[in-house]
Amino acid sequence: MAKPHPENTPPVSPRQKAFLLAHHRHHHKITAGRLFLLFFFLGLWETASRLAWIDSFFFSSPSGIIKYLGQMLIDHSFFTHTGITLFETVVSFFLVTALSLFTATLLWYQKSLSDILEPYLVILNALPKSALAPLLIVWLGTGTNTIIVAGISVAVFGSIISLYTGFCQVDPEMCKLIYTLGGSRRDALFKVILPSSVPLILSSMKVNIGLALVGVIIGEFLAARRGLGYLIIYGSQVFS
């Protein structure tokens, strides 16, 4: 299909220009507001530290953090610890996404199975995940596997419940139409449930990446000798 020639493109109306201009202004206003809040907070923090409004030994300061970050960049420890935590978080995130999507689909597909497992999922989701970390160390030992499992445990149960609930809330009339036309439950899953739940799946993934990071940090608190969680514990012990 031939592309329209620029000369044949309809001109932009004044209302369209005004709308685009207002949209860009709004975008720049939001960006400026965010930057203002960030720099205002950092400036207030630095000022409070320098004027002894707060104890910089306990609360540190932006300049002190930048100085220490520079030292870590020079000795490459920043890249080592950040890379390890990033790897563990990414692995945990993808496993959480795969497990939650598969389990939620299975629960929707087998209604009796969901009736059996739903109360257990609610209980597991309510458990304090930090309390599970010592048990994971006993079961799996110390190492990357334990940390990845800790990252998974924080996010997977809530993600399963969220996805399953979203699957059940898809318009039932659309599924009924599939069945009326001779389709199976599998057809309803792939032609209605999953396509309709794409925004929910993406939203769940946005939440899971943060929860996976939290779980990995918790695991590194207890079972790591490298990573950002290890650095946090080490820094709290030596006040560096």
C-alpha atoms as a PDB file:
ATOM      1  CA  MET A   1       0.000   0.000   0.000  1.00  0.00           C
ATOM      2  CA  ALA A   2       1.444   3.325  -1.067  1.00  0.00           C
ATOM      3  CA  LYS A   3       2.141   5.907   1.599  1.00  0.00           C
ATOM      4  CA  PRO A   4       0.280   9.224   1.263  1.00  0.00           C
ATOM      5  CA  HIS A   5       2.326  12.015  -0.206  1.00  0.00           C
ATOM      6  CA  PRO A   6       3.105  14.846   2.229  1.00  0.00           C
ATOM      7  CA  GLU A   7       1.268  17.248  -0.049  1.00  0.00           C
ATOM      8  CA  ASN A   8      -1.905  15.143   0.318  1.00  0.00           C
ATOM      9  CA  THR A   9      -1.729  15.125   4.123  1.00  0.00           C
ATOM     10  CA  PRO A  10      -4.544  17.240   5.574  1.00  0.00           C
ATOM     11  CA  PRO A  11      -3.313  20.334   7.426  1.00  0.00           C
ATOM     12  CA  VAL A  12      -3.419  20.434  11.200  1.00  0.00           C
ATOM     13  CA  SER A  13      -6.321  22.516  12.411  1.00  0.00           C
ATOM     14  CA  PRO A  14      -5.873  25.283  15.011  1.00  0.00           C
ATOM     15  CA  ARG A  15      -7.771  23.184  17.546  1.00  0.00           C
ATOM     16  CA  GLN A  16      -5.426  20.261  17.003  1.00  0.00           C
ATOM     17  CA  LYS A  17      -2.416  22.552  17.385  1.00  0.00           C
ATOM     18  CA  ALA A  18      -3.881  23.965  20.587  1.00  0.00           C
ATOM     19  CA  PHE A  19      -4.532  20.461  21.940  1.00  0.00           C
ATOM     20  CA  LEU A  20      -0.994  19.277  21.129  1.00  0.00           C
ATOM     21  CA  LEU A  21       0.488  22.416  22.650  1.00  0.00           C
ATOM     22  CA  ALA A  22      -1.564  21.972  25.830  1.00  0.00           C
ATOM     23  CA  HIS A  23      -0.552  18.302  25.996  1.00  0.00           C
ATOM     24  CA  HIS A  24       3.151  19.145  25.719  1.00  0.00           C
ATOM     25  CA  ARG A  25       2.813  21.900  28.301  1.00  0.00           C
ATOM     26  CA  HIS A  26       1.102  19.509  30.710  1.00  0.00           C
ATOM     27  CA  HIS A  27       3.837  16.902  30.162  1.00  0.00           C
ATOM     28  CA  HIS A  28       6.600  19.458  30.786  1.00  0.00           C
ATOM     29  CA  LYS A  29       4.753  20.762  33.854  1.00  0.00           C
ATOM     30  CA  ILE A  30       4.537  17.286  35.366  1.00  0.00           C
ATOM     31  CA  THR A  31       8.230  16.617  34.644  1.00  0.00           C
ATOM     32  CA  ALA A  32       9.243  19.943  36.151  1.00  0.00           C
ATOM     33  CA  GLY A  33       7.135  19.268  39.226  1.00  0.00           C
ATOM     34  CA  ARG A  34       8.734  15.872  39.763  1.00  0.00           C
ATOM     35  CA  LEU A  35      12.247  17.272  39.367  1.00  0.00           C
ATOM     36  CA  PHE A  36      11.434  20.148  41.718  1.00  0.00           C
ATOM     37  CA  LEU A  37      10.249  17.766  44.457  1.00  0.00           C
ATOM     38  CA  LEU A  38      13.330  15.591  44.025  1.00  0.00           C
ATOM     39  CA  PHE A  39      15.858  18.434  44.180  1.00  0.00           C
ATOM     40  CA  PHE A  40      13.937  20.180  46.965  1.00  0.00           C
ATOM     41  CA  PHE A  41      14.076  17.022  49.077  1.00  0.00           C
ATOM     42  CA  LEU A  42      17.785  16.468  48.363  1.00  0.00           C
ATOM     43  CA  GLY A  43      18.583  20.131  49.059  1.00  0.00           C
ATOM     44  CA  LEU A  44      16.635  20.103  52.328  1.00  0.00           C
ATOM     45  CA  TRP A  45      18.346  16.877  53.372  1.00  0.00           C
ATOM     46  CA  GLU A  46      21.816  18.271  52.592  1.00  0.00           C
ATOM     47  CA  THR A  47      21.068  21.554  54.355  1.00  0.00           C
ATOM     48  CA  ALA A  48      19.708  19.808  57.441  1.00  0.00           C
ATOM     49  CA  SER A  49      22.846  17.676  57.584  1.00  0.00           C
ATOM     50  CA  ARG A  50      25.273  20.582  57.191  1.00  0.00           C
ATOM     51  CA  LEU A  51      23.443  22.784  59.724  1.00  0.00           C
ATOM     52  CA  ALA A  52      23.234  19.909  62.226  1.00  0.00           C
ATOM     53  CA  TRP A  53      19.433  19.833  62.196  1.00  0.00           C
ATOM     54  CA  ILE A  54      19.867  16.085  61.906  1.00  0.00           C
ATOM     55  CA  ASP A  55      22.782  13.864  62.886  1.00  0.00           C
ATOM     56  CA  SER A  56      24.633  13.113  59.653  1.00  0.00           C
ATOM     57  CA  PHE A  57      26.254  10.073  61.298  1.00  0.00           C
ATOM     58  CA  PHE A  58      22.877   8.332  61.403  1.00  0.00           C
ATOM     59  CA  PHE A  59      20.986  10.050  58.556  1.00  0.00           C
ATOM     60  CA  SER A  60      23.943  10.617  56.190  1.00  0.00           C
ATOM     61  CA  SER A  61      23.595  13.239  53.428  1.00  0.00           C
ATOM     62  CA  PRO A  62      23.372  13.345  49.624  1.00  0.00           C
ATOM     63  CA  SER A  63      26.971  14.511  49.327  1.00  0.00           C
ATOM     64  CA  GLY A  64      28.156  11.689  51.592  1.00  0.00           C
ATOM     65  CA  ILE A  65      26.219   9.138  49.563  1.00  0.00           C
ATOM     66  CA  ILE A  66      27.666  10.448  46.304  1.00  0.00           C
ATOM     67  CA  LYS A  67      31.172  10.326  47.768  1.00  0.00           C
ATOM     68  CA  TYR A  68      30.760   6.720  48.900  1.00  0.00           C
ATOM     69  CA  LEU A  69      29.157   5.807  45.562  1.00  0.00           C
ATOM     70  CA  GLY A  70      32.199   7.223  43.805  1.00  0.00           C
ATOM     71  CA  GLN A  71      34.467   4.980  45.888  1.00  0.00           C
ATOM     72  CA  MET A  72      32.356   1.949  44.994  1.00  0.00           C
ATOM     73  CA  LEU A  73      32.526   2.830  41.322  1.00  0.00           C
ATOM     74  CA  ILE A  74      36.315   3.110  41.500  1.00  0.00           C
ATOM     75  CA  ASP A  75      36.807  -0.298  43.120  1.00  0.00           C
ATOM     76  CA  HIS A  76      34.008  -1.819  40.955  1.00  0.00           C
ATOM     77  CA  SER A  77      32.162  -3.184  43.990  1.00  0.00           C
ATOM     78  CA  PHE A  78      29.029  -1.275  42.955  1.00  0.00           C
ATOM     79  CA  PHE A  79      28.776  -3.148  39.663  1.00  0.00           C
ATOM     80  CA  THR A  80      29.451  -6.493  41.352  1.00  0.00           C
ATOM     81  CA  HIS A  81      26.798  -6.168  44.042  1.00  0.00           C
ATOM     82  CA  THR A  82      24.233  -4.451  41.810  1.00  0.00           C
ATOM     83  CA  GLY A  83      24.713  -6.998  39.038  1.00  0.00           C
ATOM     84  CA  ILE A  84      24.127  -9.914  41.408  1.00  0.00           C
ATOM     85  CA  THR A  85      20.962  -8.385  42.868  1.00  0.00           C
ATOM     86  CA  LEU A  86      19.715  -7.453  39.400  1.00  0.00           C
ATOM     87  CA  PHE A  87      20.264 -10.999  38.114  1.00  0.00           C
ATOM     88  CA  GLU A  88      18.453 -12.544  41.078  1.00  0.00           C
ATOM     89  CA  THR A  89      15.583 -10.077  40.756  1.00  0.00           C
ATOM     90  CA  VAL A  90      15.123 -10.683  37.024  1.00  0.00           C
ATOM     91  CA  VAL A  91      15.135 -14.467  37.482  1.00  0.00           C
ATOM     92  CA  SER A  92      12.644 -14.206  40.357  1.00  0.00           C
ATOM     93  CA  PHE A  93      10.430 -11.866  38.338  1.00  0.00           C
ATOM     94  CA  PHE A  94      10.219 -14.141  35.302  1.00  0.00           C
ATOM     95  CA  LEU A  95       9.577 -17.205  37.455  1.00  0.00           C
ATOM     96  CA  VAL A  96       6.851 -15.376  39.397  1.00  0.00           C
ATOM     97  CA  THR A  97       5.215 -14.240  36.157  1.00  0.00           C
ATOM     98  CA  ALA A  98       5.294 -17.734  34.638  1.00  0.00           C
ATOM     99  CA  LEU A  99       4.141 -19.527  37.796  1.00  0.00           C
ATOM    100  CA  SER A 100       1.349 -17.083  38.600  1.00  0.00           C
ATOM    101  CA  LEU A 101       0.015 -17.014  35.028  1.00  0.00           C
ATOM    102  CA  PHE A 102       0.105 -20.818  34.734  1.00  0.00           C
ATOM    103  CA  THR A 103      -1.495 -21.378  38.156  1.00  0.00           C
ATOM    104  CA  ALA A 104      -4.195 -18.733  37.662  1.00  0.00           C
ATOM    105  CA  THR A 105      -5.053 -20.255  34.281  1.00  0.00           C
ATOM    106  CA  LEU A 106      -5.221 -23.733  35.818  1.00  0.00           C
ATOM    107  CA  LEU A 107      -7.472 -22.486  38.626  1.00  0.00           C
ATOM    108  CA  TRP A 108      -9.821 -20.849  36.127  1.00  0.00           C
ATOM    109  CA  TYR A 109      -9.831 -23.932  33.936  1.00  0.00           C
ATOM    110  CA  GLN A 110     -10.558 -26.299  36.858  1.00  0.00           C
ATOM    111  CA  LYS A 111     -13.212 -24.694  39.067  1.00  0.00           C
ATOM    112  CA  SER A 112     -13.136 -27.500  41.636  1.00  0.00           C
ATOM    113  CA  LEU A 113      -9.361 -27.087  42.015  1.00  0.00           C
ATOM    114  CA  SER A 114      -9.755 -23.359  42.636  1.00  0.00           C
ATOM    115  CA  ASP A 115     -12.401 -24.014  45.317  1.00  0.00           C
ATOM    116  CA  ILE A 116      -9.954 -26.336  47.074  1.00  0.00           C
ATOM    117  CA  LEU A 117      -6.821 -24.180  46.830  1.00  0.00           C
ATOM    118  CA  GLU A 118      -8.220 -20.655  47.224  1.00  0.00           C
ATOM    119  CA  PRO A 119      -8.218 -20.540  51.070  1.00  0.00           C
ATOM    120  CA  TYR A 120      -4.663 -21.911  51.157  1.00  0.00           C
ATOM    121  CA  LEU A 121      -3.499 -19.268  48.689  1.00  0.00           C
ATOM    122  CA  VAL A 122      -5.064 -16.548  50.840  1.00  0.00           C
ATOM    123  CA  ILE A 123      -3.297 -17.892  53.942  1.00  0.00           C
ATOM    124  CA  LEU A 124       0.061 -18.205  52.167  1.00  0.00           C
ATOM    125  CA  ASN A 125      -0.282 -14.678  50.796  1.00  0.00           C
ATOM    126  CA  ALA A 126      -0.967 -13.342  54.311  1.00  0.00           C
ATOM    127  CA  LEU A 127       2.114 -14.985  55.836  1.00  0.00           C
ATOM    128  CA  PRO A 128       4.991 -12.593  56.653  1.00  0.00           C
ATOM    129  CA  LYS A 129       7.540 -13.522  54.021  1.00  0.00           C
ATOM    130  CA  SER A 130      10.489 -12.369  56.125  1.00  0.00           C
ATOM    131  CA  ALA A 131       9.592 -15.138  58.578  1.00  0.00           C
ATOM    132  CA  LEU A 132       9.990 -17.711  55.804  1.00  0.00           C
ATOM    133  CA  ALA A 133      13.575 -16.677  55.026  1.00  0.00           C
ATOM    134  CA  PRO A 134      15.198 -18.614  57.916  1.00  0.00           C
ATOM    135  CA  LEU A 135      13.215 -21.711  56.906  1.00  0.00           C
ATOM    136  CA  LEU A 136      14.408 -21.340  53.322  1.00  0.00           C
ATOM    137  CA  ILE A 137      17.995 -21.242  54.563  1.00  0.00           C
ATOM    138  CA  VAL A 138      17.457 -24.475  56.508  1.00  0.00           C
ATOM    139  CA  TRP A 139      15.808 -26.171  53.532  1.00  0.00           C
ATOM    140  CA  LEU A 140      17.979 -24.860  50.698  1.00  0.00           C
ATOM    141  CA  GLY A 141      21.126 -23.597  52.405  1.00  0.00           C
ATOM    142  CA  THR A 142      22.743 -20.264  51.702  1.00  0.00           C
ATOM    143  CA  GLY A 143      23.209 -19.173  48.125  1.00  0.00           C
ATOM    144  CA  THR A 144      21.565 -17.835  45.025  1.00  0.00           C
ATOM    145  CA  ASN A 145      18.804 -20.456  44.949  1.00  0.00           C
ATOM    146  CA  THR A 146      17.575 -19.459  48.402  1.00  0.00           C
ATOM    147  CA  ILE A 147      17.531 -15.775  47.473  1.00  0.00           C
ATOM    148  CA  ILE A 148      15.624 -16.414  44.238  1.00  0.00           C
ATOM    149  CA  VAL A 149      13.047 -18.527  46.086  1.00  0.00           C
ATOM    150  CA  ALA A 150      12.693 -15.744  48.667  1.00  0.00           C
ATOM    151  CA  GLY A 151      12.015 -13.283  45.844  1.00  0.00           C
ATOM    152  CA  ILE A 152       9.414 -15.626  44.377  1.00  0.00           C
ATOM    153  CA  SER A 153       7.665 -16.201  47.708  1.00  0.00           C
ATOM    154  CA  VAL A 154       6.995 -12.502  48.234  1.00  0.00           C
ATOM    155  CA  ALA A 155       5.107 -11.985  44.976  1.00  0.00           C
ATOM    156  CA  VAL A 156       3.753 -15.259  43.638  1.00  0.00           C
ATOM    157  CA  PHE A 157       0.729 -15.870  45.891  1.00  0.00           C
ATOM    158  CA  GLY A 158      -0.676 -12.362  45.597  1.00  0.00           C
ATOM    159  CA  SER A 159      -0.116 -12.438  41.846  1.00  0.00           C
ATOM    160  CA  ILE A 160      -1.990 -15.740  41.500  1.00  0.00           C
ATOM    161  CA  ILE A 161      -4.962 -14.421  43.453  1.00  0.00           C
ATOM    162  CA  SER A 162      -5.013 -11.169  41.481  1.00  0.00           C
ATOM    163  CA  LEU A 163      -4.851 -12.884  38.081  1.00  0.00           C
ATOM    164  CA  TYR A 164      -7.410 -15.530  38.984  1.00  0.00           C
ATOM    165  CA  THR A 165      -9.828 -12.893  40.264  1.00  0.00           C
ATOM    166  CA  GLY A 166      -9.338 -10.906  37.066  1.00  0.00           C
ATOM    167  CA  PHE A 167      -9.983 -13.983  34.923  1.00  0.00           C
ATOM    168  CA  CYS A 168     -13.254 -14.643  36.769  1.00  0.00           C
ATOM    169  CA  GLN A 169     -14.401 -11.044  36.255  1.00  0.00           C
ATOM    170  CA  VAL A 170     -14.155 -11.145  32.458  1.00  0.00           C
ATOM    171  CA  ASP A 171     -17.559 -10.542  30.817  1.00  0.00           C
ATOM    172  CA  PRO A 172     -19.372 -13.911  31.094  1.00  0.00           C
ATOM    173  CA  GLU A 173     -21.531 -13.070  28.080  1.00  0.00           C
ATOM    174  CA  MET A 174     -18.460 -13.250  25.856  1.00  0.00           C
ATOM    175  CA  CYS A 175     -17.658 -16.735  27.133  1.00  0.00           C
ATOM    176  CA  LYS A 176     -21.279 -17.739  26.697  1.00  0.00           C
ATOM    177  CA  LEU A 177     -21.084 -16.622  23.077  1.00  0.00           C
ATOM    178  CA  ILE A 178     -18.065 -18.885  22.542  1.00  0.00           C
ATOM    179  CA  TYR A 179     -19.930 -21.849  24.016  1.00  0.00           C
ATOM    180  CA  THR A 180     -23.047 -21.057  21.962  1.00  0.00           C
ATOM    181  CA  LEU A 181     -20.995 -21.148  18.766  1.00  0.00           C
ATOM    182  CA  GLY A 182     -19.679 -24.586  19.688  1.00  0.00           C
ATOM    183  CA  GLY A 183     -16.410 -23.499  21.258  1.00  0.00           C
ATOM    184  CA  SER A 184     -14.756 -25.298  24.176  1.00  0.00           C
ATOM    185  CA  ARG A 185     -13.469 -23.951  27.481  1.00  0.00           C
ATOM    186  CA  ARG A 186     -10.034 -23.890  25.896  1.00  0.00           C
ATOM    187  CA  ASP A 187     -11.374 -21.626  23.131  1.00  0.00           C
ATOM    188  CA  ALA A 188     -12.886 -19.323  25.740  1.00  0.00           C
ATOM    189  CA  LEU A 189      -9.531 -19.170  27.523  1.00  0.00           C
ATOM    190  CA  PHE A 190      -7.448 -18.247  24.487  1.00  0.00           C
ATOM    191  CA  LYS A 191     -10.018 -16.124  22.640  1.00  0.00           C
ATOM    192  CA  VAL A 192     -11.667 -14.260  25.531  1.00  0.00           C
ATOM    193  CA  ILE A 193     -10.044 -14.631  28.953  1.00  0.00           C
ATOM    194  CA  LEU A 194      -6.370 -14.092  28.121  1.00  0.00           C
ATOM    195  CA  PRO A 195      -6.874 -11.316  25.510  1.00  0.00           C
ATOM    196  CA  SER A 196      -9.250  -9.463  27.848  1.00  0.00           C
ATOM    197  CA  SER A 197      -6.795  -9.808  30.745  1.00  0.00           C
ATOM    198  CA  VAL A 198      -3.722  -8.363  29.014  1.00  0.00           C
ATOM    199  CA  PRO A 199      -3.959  -5.014  30.907  1.00  0.00           C
ATOM    200  CA  LEU A 200      -4.331  -6.941  34.183  1.00  0.00           C
ATOM    201  CA  ILE A 201      -1.328  -9.146  33.374  1.00  0.00           C
ATOM    202  CA  LEU A 202       0.835  -6.119  32.561  1.00  0.00           C
ATOM    203  CA  SER A 203      -0.300  -4.362  35.733  1.00  0.00           C
ATOM    204  CA  SER A 204       0.530  -7.471  37.750  1.00  0.00           C
ATOM    205  CA  MET A 205       3.990  -7.612  36.180  1.00  0.00           C
ATOM    206  CA  LYS A 206       4.632  -3.991  37.194  1.00  0.00           C
ATOM    207  CA  VAL A 207       3.863  -4.891  40.799  1.00  0.00           C
ATOM    208  CA  ASN A 208       5.784  -8.174  40.691  1.00  0.00           C
ATOM    209  CA  ILE A 209       9.078  -6.605  39.656  1.00  0.00           C
ATOM    210  CA  GLY A 210       9.070  -4.442  42.784  1.00  0.00           C
ATOM    211  CA  LEU A 211       7.985  -7.277  45.053  1.00  0.00           C
ATOM    212  CA  ALA A 212      10.636  -9.574  43.570  1.00  0.00           C
ATOM    213  CA  LEU A 213      13.293  -6.973  44.385  1.00  0.00           C
ATOM    214  CA  VAL A 214      11.995  -6.718  47.963  1.00  0.00           C
ATOM    215  CA  GLY A 215      12.088 -10.503  48.339  1.00  0.00           C
ATOM    216  CA  VAL A 216      15.607 -10.713  46.942  1.00  0.00           C
ATOM    217  CA  ILE A 217      16.816  -8.015  49.334  1.00  0.00           C
ATOM    218  CA  ILE A 218      15.219  -9.895  52.252  1.00  0.00           C
ATOM    219  CA  GLY A 219      16.971 -13.062  51.152  1.00  0.00           C
ATOM    220  CA  GLU A 220      20.297 -11.260  50.839  1.00  0.00           C
ATOM    221  CA  PHE A 221      19.901  -9.928  54.364  1.00  0.00           C
ATOM    222  CA  LEU A 222      20.226 -13.468  55.694  1.00  0.00           C
ATOM    223  CA  ALA A 223      21.837 -15.674  53.085  1.00  0.00           C
ATOM    224  CA  ALA A 224      24.301 -13.700  50.977  1.00  0.00           C
ATOM    225  CA  ARG A 225      27.843 -12.454  50.959  1.00  0.00           C
ATOM    226  CA  ARG A 226      27.275 -10.279  47.913  1.00  0.00           C
ATOM    227  CA  GLY A 227      24.451  -8.084  46.685  1.00  0.00           C
ATOM    228  CA  LEU A 228      22.679  -4.905  47.757  1.00  0.00           C
ATOM    229  CA  GLY A 229      20.994  -6.611  50.709  1.00  0.00           C
ATOM    230  CA  TYR A 230      24.394  -7.712  52.003  1.00  0.00           C
ATOM    231  CA  LEU A 231      25.694  -4.161  51.606  1.00  0.00           C
ATOM    232  CA  ILE A 232      22.757  -2.797  53.616  1.00  0.00           C
ATOM    233  CA  ILE A 233      23.397  -5.215  56.480  1.00  0.00           C
ATOM    234  CA  TYR A 234      27.155  -4.602  56.349  1.00  0.00           C
ATOM    235  CA  GLY A 235      26.660  -0.828  56.327  1.00  0.00           C
ATOM    236  CA  SER A 236      24.261  -0.978  59.290  1.00  0.00           C
ATOM    237  CA  GLN A 237      26.839  -2.940  61.283  1.00  0.00           C
ATOM    238  CA  VAL A 238      29.840  -0.709  60.607  1.00  0.00           C
ATOM    239  CA  PHE A 239      27.897   2.589  60.059  1.00  0.00           C
ATOM    240  CA  SER A 240      29.695   3.153  56.755  1.00  0.00           C
END
